[in-house]
Amino acid sequence: MYSTFGDIYDEDHFITSLAEHVRVVRNLPDYILESIGHNISLIYNFKVKAWAPESFYSETVLPKLLETG
């Protein structure tokens, strides 16, 4: 059976609790979908392990986010 994030978690609480730190969207904006030809498998997938250290985000994730815009 397929479930979505909202089936498991309280999306509104999740979005509200992170609002001061990051912008969380429910759906990808059209301009992003168009830039990847509506193929979300082209979006880079960070395989983050639970409890990854802050250095992983600053040294691995941030450079990739800056590179891809």
PDB file of N, CA and C in Angstrom:
ATOM      1  N   MET A   1       0.836  -1.177   0.000  1.00  0.00           N
ATOM      2  CA  MET A   1       0.000   0.000   0.000  1.00  0.00           C
ATOM      3  C   MET A   1       0.882   1.242   0.000  1.00  0.00           C
ATOM      4  N   TYR A   2       0.522   2.234  -0.749  1.00  0.00           N
ATOM      5  CA  TYR A   2       1.268   3.465  -0.888  1.00  0.00           C
ATOM      6  C   TYR A   2       0.736   4.507   0.092  1.00  0.00           C
ATOM      7  N   SER A   3       1.623   5.156   0.814  1.00  0.00           N
ATOM      8  CA  SER A   3       1.193   6.224   1.714  1.00  0.00           C
ATOM      9  C   SER A   3       2.035   7.465   1.455  1.00  0.00           C
ATOM     10  N   THR A   4       1.467   8.605   1.755  1.00  0.00           N
ATOM     11  CA  THR A   4       2.163   9.869   1.572  1.00  0.00           C
ATOM     12  C   THR A   4       2.627  10.393   2.926  1.00  0.00           C
ATOM     13  N   PHE A   5       3.447  11.411   2.900  1.00  0.00           N
ATOM     14  CA  PHE A   5       3.940  12.026   4.132  1.00  0.00           C
ATOM     15  C   PHE A   5       2.770  12.426   5.023  1.00  0.00           C
ATOM     16  N   GLY A   6       1.741  13.037   4.419  1.00  0.00           N
ATOM     17  CA  GLY A   6       0.585  13.503   5.173  1.00  0.00           C
ATOM     18  C   GLY A   6      -0.246  12.391   5.785  1.00  0.00           C
ATOM     19  N   ASP A   7      -0.118  11.184   5.248  1.00  0.00           N
ATOM     20  CA  ASP A   7      -0.826  10.050   5.843  1.00  0.00           C
ATOM     21  C   ASP A   7      -0.187   9.623   7.164  1.00  0.00           C
ATOM     22  N   ILE A   8       1.081   9.945   7.316  1.00  0.00           N
ATOM     23  CA  ILE A   8       1.833   9.500   8.479  1.00  0.00           C
ATOM     24  C   ILE A   8       2.040  10.619   9.495  1.00  0.00           C
ATOM     25  N   TYR A   9       2.294  11.824   8.994  1.00  0.00           N
ATOM     26  CA  TYR A   9       2.625  12.954   9.863  1.00  0.00           C
ATOM     27  C   TYR A   9       1.591  14.072   9.735  1.00  0.00           C
ATOM     28  N   ASP A  10       1.564  14.953  10.708  1.00  0.00           N
ATOM     29  CA  ASP A  10       0.727  16.140  10.687  1.00  0.00           C
ATOM     30  C   ASP A  10       1.463  17.202   9.860  1.00  0.00           C
ATOM     31  N   GLU A  11       1.110  17.328   8.578  1.00  0.00           N
ATOM     32  CA  GLU A  11       1.814  18.236   7.672  1.00  0.00           C
ATOM     33  C   GLU A  11       1.797  19.681   8.159  1.00  0.00           C
ATOM     34  N   ASP A  12       0.655  20.165   8.617  1.00  0.00           N
ATOM     35  CA  ASP A  12       0.567  21.557   9.054  1.00  0.00           C
ATOM     36  C   ASP A  12       1.521  21.829  10.215  1.00  0.00           C
ATOM     37  N   HIS A  13       1.590  20.915  11.159  1.00  0.00           N
ATOM     38  CA  HIS A  13       2.517  21.079  12.282  1.00  0.00           C
ATOM     39  C   HIS A  13       3.966  21.066  11.785  1.00  0.00           C
ATOM     40  N   PHE A  14       4.284  20.164  10.894  1.00  0.00           N
ATOM     41  CA  PHE A  14       5.627  20.055  10.319  1.00  0.00           C
ATOM     42  C   PHE A  14       6.024  21.369   9.649  1.00  0.00           C
ATOM     43  N   ILE A  15       5.152  21.888   8.797  1.00  0.00           N
ATOM     44  CA  ILE A  15       5.434  23.130   8.073  1.00  0.00           C
ATOM     45  C   ILE A  15       5.574  24.296   9.046  1.00  0.00           C
ATOM     46  N   THR A  16       4.683  24.400   9.994  1.00  0.00           N
ATOM     47  CA  THR A  16       4.715  25.492  10.965  1.00  0.00           C
ATOM     48  C   THR A  16       5.973  25.441  11.823  1.00  0.00           C
ATOM     49  N   SER A  17       6.340  24.251  12.267  1.00  0.00           N
ATOM     50  CA  SER A  17       7.491  24.139  13.162  1.00  0.00           C
ATOM     51  C   SER A  17       8.806  24.452  12.459  1.00  0.00           C
ATOM     52  N   LEU A  18       8.869  24.298  11.146  1.00  0.00           N
ATOM     53  CA  LEU A  18      10.099  24.588  10.401  1.00  0.00           C
ATOM     54  C   LEU A  18      10.095  25.959   9.737  1.00  0.00           C
ATOM     55  N   ALA A  19       9.007  26.708   9.865  1.00  0.00           N
ATOM     56  CA  ALA A  19       8.821  27.965   9.134  1.00  0.00           C
ATOM     57  C   ALA A  19       9.934  28.984   9.360  1.00  0.00           C
ATOM     58  N   GLU A  20      10.517  29.006  10.534  1.00  0.00           N
ATOM     59  CA  GLU A  20      11.577  29.976  10.804  1.00  0.00           C
ATOM     60  C   GLU A  20      12.933  29.540  10.251  1.00  0.00           C
ATOM     61  N   HIS A  21      13.023  28.300   9.777  1.00  0.00           N
ATOM     62  CA  HIS A  21      14.303  27.764   9.327  1.00  0.00           C
ATOM     63  C   HIS A  21      14.366  27.494   7.832  1.00  0.00           C
ATOM     64  N   VAL A  22      13.310  26.930   7.283  1.00  0.00           N
ATOM     65  CA  VAL A  22      13.273  26.593   5.853  1.00  0.00           C
ATOM     66  C   VAL A  22      11.863  26.810   5.319  1.00  0.00           C
ATOM     67  N   ARG A  23      11.771  26.947   4.002  1.00  0.00           N
ATOM     68  CA  ARG A  23      10.455  27.039   3.380  1.00  0.00           C
ATOM     69  C   ARG A  23      10.064  25.637   2.925  1.00  0.00           C
ATOM     70  N   VAL A  24       8.959  25.153   3.428  1.00  0.00           N
ATOM     71  CA  VAL A  24       8.457  23.827   3.075  1.00  0.00           C
ATOM     72  C   VAL A  24       7.255  24.018   2.160  1.00  0.00           C
ATOM     73  N   VAL A  25       7.238  23.298   1.063  1.00  0.00           N
ATOM     74  CA  VAL A  25       6.116  23.378   0.131  1.00  0.00           C
ATOM     75  C   VAL A  25       5.435  22.016   0.037  1.00  0.00           C
ATOM     76  N   ARG A  26       4.160  22.035  -0.241  1.00  0.00           N
ATOM     77  CA  ARG A  26       3.411  20.778  -0.386  1.00  0.00           C
ATOM     78  C   ARG A  26       3.630  20.155  -1.762  1.00  0.00           C
ATOM     79  N   ASN A  27       3.838  20.994  -2.746  1.00  0.00           N
ATOM     80  CA  ASN A  27       4.078  20.543  -4.124  1.00  0.00           C
ATOM     81  C   ASN A  27       5.203  21.365  -4.721  1.00  0.00           C
ATOM     82  N   LEU A  28       5.935  20.775  -5.642  1.00  0.00           N
ATOM     83  CA  LEU A  28       6.992  21.518  -6.317  1.00  0.00           C
ATOM     84  C   LEU A  28       6.389  22.583  -7.225  1.00  0.00           C
ATOM     85  N   PRO A  29       6.975  23.767  -7.242  1.00  0.00           N
ATOM     86  CA  PRO A  29       6.483  24.820  -8.135  1.00  0.00           C
ATOM     87  C   PRO A  29       6.629  24.410  -9.601  1.00  0.00           C
ATOM     88  N   ASP A  30       5.760  24.943 -10.440  1.00  0.00           N
ATOM     89  CA  ASP A  30       5.775  24.602 -11.867  1.00  0.00           C
ATOM     90  C   ASP A  30       7.123  24.874 -12.522  1.00  0.00           C
ATOM     91  N   TYR A  31       7.781  25.989 -12.148  1.00  0.00           N
ATOM     92  CA  TYR A  31       9.049  26.315 -12.807  1.00  0.00           C
ATOM     93  C   TYR A  31      10.120  25.256 -12.524  1.00  0.00           C
ATOM     94  N   ILE A  32      10.058  24.621 -11.363  1.00  0.00           N
ATOM     95  CA  ILE A  32      11.011  23.548 -11.067  1.00  0.00           C
ATOM     96  C   ILE A  32      10.645  22.302 -11.863  1.00  0.00           C
ATOM     97  N   LEU A  33       9.372  21.957 -11.862  1.00  0.00           N
ATOM     98  CA  LEU A  33       8.939  20.790 -12.639  1.00  0.00           C
ATOM     99  C   LEU A  33       9.282  20.954 -14.113  1.00  0.00           C
ATOM    100  N   GLU A  34       9.087  22.162 -14.650  1.00  0.00           N
ATOM    101  CA  GLU A  34       9.406  22.410 -16.061  1.00  0.00           C
ATOM    102  C   GLU A  34      10.909  22.300 -16.314  1.00  0.00           C
ATOM    103  N   SER A  35      11.724  22.757 -15.348  1.00  0.00           N
ATOM    104  CA  SER A  35      13.180  22.722 -15.540  1.00  0.00           C
ATOM    105  C   SER A  35      13.720  21.296 -15.599  1.00  0.00           C
ATOM    106  N   ILE A  36      12.980  20.347 -15.052  1.00  0.00           N
ATOM    107  CA  ILE A  36      13.416  18.944 -15.075  1.00  0.00           C
ATOM    108  C   ILE A  36      12.529  18.100 -15.992  1.00  0.00           C
ATOM    109  N   GLY A  37      11.744  18.759 -16.821  1.00  0.00           N
ATOM    110  CA  GLY A  37      10.881  18.035 -17.747  1.00  0.00           C
ATOM    111  C   GLY A  37       9.830  17.196 -17.046  1.00  0.00           C
ATOM    112  N   HIS A  38       9.379  17.661 -15.892  1.00  0.00           N
ATOM    113  CA  HIS A  38       8.361  16.965 -15.089  1.00  0.00           C
ATOM    114  C   HIS A  38       8.793  15.556 -14.689  1.00  0.00           C
ATOM    115  N   ASN A  39      10.104  15.331 -14.645  1.00  0.00           N
ATOM    116  CA  ASN A  39      10.648  14.028 -14.262  1.00  0.00           C
ATOM    117  C   ASN A  39      11.352  14.179 -12.916  1.00  0.00           C
ATOM    118  N   ILE A  40      10.623  13.952 -11.816  1.00  0.00           N
ATOM    119  CA  ILE A  40      11.203  14.204 -10.494  1.00  0.00           C
ATOM    120  C   ILE A  40      12.344  13.255 -10.152  1.00  0.00           C
ATOM    121  N   SER A  41      12.516  12.209 -10.922  1.00  0.00           N
ATOM    122  CA  SER A  41      13.650  11.320 -10.658  1.00  0.00           C
ATOM    123  C   SER A  41      14.977  12.003 -10.997  1.00  0.00           C
ATOM    124  N   LEU A  42      14.925  13.136 -11.699  1.00  0.00           N
ATOM    125  CA  LEU A  42      16.140  13.879 -12.022  1.00  0.00           C
ATOM    126  C   LEU A  42      16.598  14.776 -10.873  1.00  0.00           C
ATOM    127  N   ILE A  43      15.784  14.928  -9.850  1.00  0.00           N
ATOM    128  CA  ILE A  43      16.172  15.728  -8.690  1.00  0.00           C
ATOM    129  C   ILE A  43      17.141  14.909  -7.848  1.00  0.00           C
ATOM    130  N   TYR A  44      18.250  15.528  -7.501  1.00  0.00           N
ATOM    131  CA  TYR A  44      19.281  14.820  -6.741  1.00  0.00           C
ATOM    132  C   TYR A  44      18.708  14.337  -5.411  1.00  0.00           C
ATOM    133  N   ASN A  45      18.981  13.105  -5.061  1.00  0.00           N
ATOM    134  CA  ASN A  45      18.475  12.506  -3.836  1.00  0.00           C
ATOM    135  C   ASN A  45      19.636  12.301  -2.861  1.00  0.00           C
ATOM    136  N   PHE A  46      19.619  13.070  -1.778  1.00  0.00           N
ATOM    137  CA  PHE A  46      20.623  12.888  -0.735  1.00  0.00           C
ATOM    138  C   PHE A  46      20.215  11.698   0.120  1.00  0.00           C
ATOM    139  N   LYS A  47      21.042  10.729   0.213  1.00  0.00           N
ATOM    140  CA  LYS A  47      20.756   9.571   1.055  1.00  0.00           C
ATOM    141  C   LYS A  47      21.289   9.864   2.454  1.00  0.00           C
ATOM    142  N   VAL A  48      20.485  10.609   3.206  1.00  0.00           N
ATOM    143  CA  VAL A  48      20.887  11.066   4.532  1.00  0.00           C
ATOM    144  C   VAL A  48      20.542  10.007   5.566  1.00  0.00           C
ATOM    145  N   LYS A  49      21.515   9.635   6.347  1.00  0.00           N
ATOM    146  CA  LYS A  49      21.287   8.684   7.426  1.00  0.00           C
ATOM    147  C   LYS A  49      20.745   9.431   8.634  1.00  0.00           C
ATOM    148  N   ALA A  50      20.000   8.728   9.448  1.00  0.00           N
ATOM    149  CA  ALA A  50      19.477   9.336  10.669  1.00  0.00           C
ATOM    150  C   ALA A  50      20.636   9.885  11.492  1.00  0.00           C
ATOM    151  N   TRP A  51      20.429  11.018  12.074  1.00  0.00           N
ATOM    152  CA  TRP A  51      21.406  11.670  12.940  1.00  0.00           C
ATOM    153  C   TRP A  51      22.689  12.029  12.211  1.00  0.00           C
ATOM    154  N   ALA A  52      22.560  12.453  10.945  1.00  0.00           N
ATOM    155  CA  ALA A  52      23.734  12.923  10.215  1.00  0.00           C
ATOM    156  C   ALA A  52      24.265  14.173  10.911  1.00  0.00           C
ATOM    157  N   PRO A  53      25.589  14.310  11.012  1.00  0.00           N
ATOM    158  CA  PRO A  53      26.136  15.485  11.680  1.00  0.00           C
ATOM    159  C   PRO A  53      25.920  16.746  10.852  1.00  0.00           C
ATOM    160  N   GLU A  54      25.986  17.877  11.526  1.00  0.00           N
ATOM    161  CA  GLU A  54      25.814  19.165  10.846  1.00  0.00           C
ATOM    162  C   GLU A  54      26.806  19.315   9.698  1.00  0.00           C
ATOM    163  N   SER A  55      28.001  18.783   9.865  1.00  0.00           N
ATOM    164  CA  SER A  55      29.028  18.895   8.822  1.00  0.00           C
ATOM    165  C   SER A  55      28.577  18.247   7.513  1.00  0.00           C
ATOM    166  N   PHE A  56      27.770  17.198   7.592  1.00  0.00           N
ATOM    167  CA  PHE A  56      27.268  16.562   6.370  1.00  0.00           C
ATOM    168  C   PHE A  56      26.447  17.558   5.559  1.00  0.00           C
ATOM    169  N   TYR A  57      25.620  18.322   6.253  1.00  0.00           N
ATOM    170  CA  TYR A  57      24.777  19.290   5.567  1.00  0.00           C
ATOM    171  C   TYR A  57      25.590  20.456   5.013  1.00  0.00           C
ATOM    172  N   SER A  58      26.544  20.941   5.772  1.00  0.00           N
ATOM    173  CA  SER A  58      27.324  22.084   5.305  1.00  0.00           C
ATOM    174  C   SER A  58      28.353  21.699   4.248  1.00  0.00           C
ATOM    175  N   GLU A  59      28.870  20.481   4.306  1.00  0.00           N
ATOM    176  CA  GLU A  59      29.913  20.064   3.371  1.00  0.00           C
ATOM    177  C   GLU A  59      29.396  19.293   2.157  1.00  0.00           C
ATOM    178  N   THR A  60      28.237  18.667   2.279  1.00  0.00           N
ATOM    179  CA  THR A  60      27.708  17.842   1.194  1.00  0.00           C
ATOM    180  C   THR A  60      26.425  18.408   0.603  1.00  0.00           C
ATOM    181  N   VAL A  61      25.460  18.669   1.460  1.00  0.00           N
ATOM    182  CA  VAL A  61      24.152  19.105   0.977  1.00  0.00           C
ATOM    183  C   VAL A  61      24.193  20.537   0.450  1.00  0.00           C
ATOM    184  N   LEU A  62      24.723  21.464   1.224  1.00  0.00           N
ATOM    185  CA  LEU A  62      24.728  22.869   0.812  1.00  0.00           C
ATOM    186  C   LEU A  62      25.416  23.093  -0.528  1.00  0.00           C
ATOM    187  N   PRO A  63      26.612  22.562  -0.753  1.00  0.00           N
ATOM    188  CA  PRO A  63      27.229  22.773  -2.070  1.00  0.00           C
ATOM    189  C   PRO A  63      26.367  22.256  -3.228  1.00  0.00           C
ATOM    190  N   LYS A  64      25.723  21.115  -3.036  1.00  0.00           N
ATOM    191  CA  LYS A  64      24.885  20.560  -4.108  1.00  0.00           C
ATOM    192  C   LYS A  64      23.649  21.438  -4.333  1.00  0.00           C
ATOM    193  N   LEU A  65      23.055  21.942  -3.262  1.00  0.00           N
ATOM    194  CA  LEU A  65      21.899  22.840  -3.395  1.00  0.00           C
ATOM    195  C   LEU A  65      22.303  24.117  -4.118  1.00  0.00           C
ATOM    196  N   LEU A  66      23.445  24.663  -3.774  1.00  0.00           N
ATOM    197  CA  LEU A  66      23.920  25.882  -4.445  1.00  0.00           C
ATOM    198  C   LEU A  66      24.219  25.610  -5.919  1.00  0.00           C
ATOM    199  N   GLU A  67      24.763  24.448  -6.201  1.00  0.00           N
ATOM    200  CA  GLU A  67      25.091  24.075  -7.582  1.00  0.00           C
ATOM    201  C   GLU A  67      23.839  23.944  -8.445  1.00  0.00           C
ATOM    202  N   THR A  68      22.796  23.343  -7.889  1.00  0.00           N
ATOM    203  CA  THR A  68      21.597  23.093  -8.680  1.00  0.00           C
ATOM    204  C   THR A  68      20.567  24.220  -8.597  1.00  0.00           C
ATOM    205  N   GLY A  69      20.807  25.146  -7.680  1.00  0.00           N
ATOM    206  CA  GLY A  69      19.899  26.288  -7.570  1.00  0.00           C
ATOM    207  C   GLY A  69      18.610  25.912  -6.908  1.00  0.00           C
TER     208      GLY A  69
END
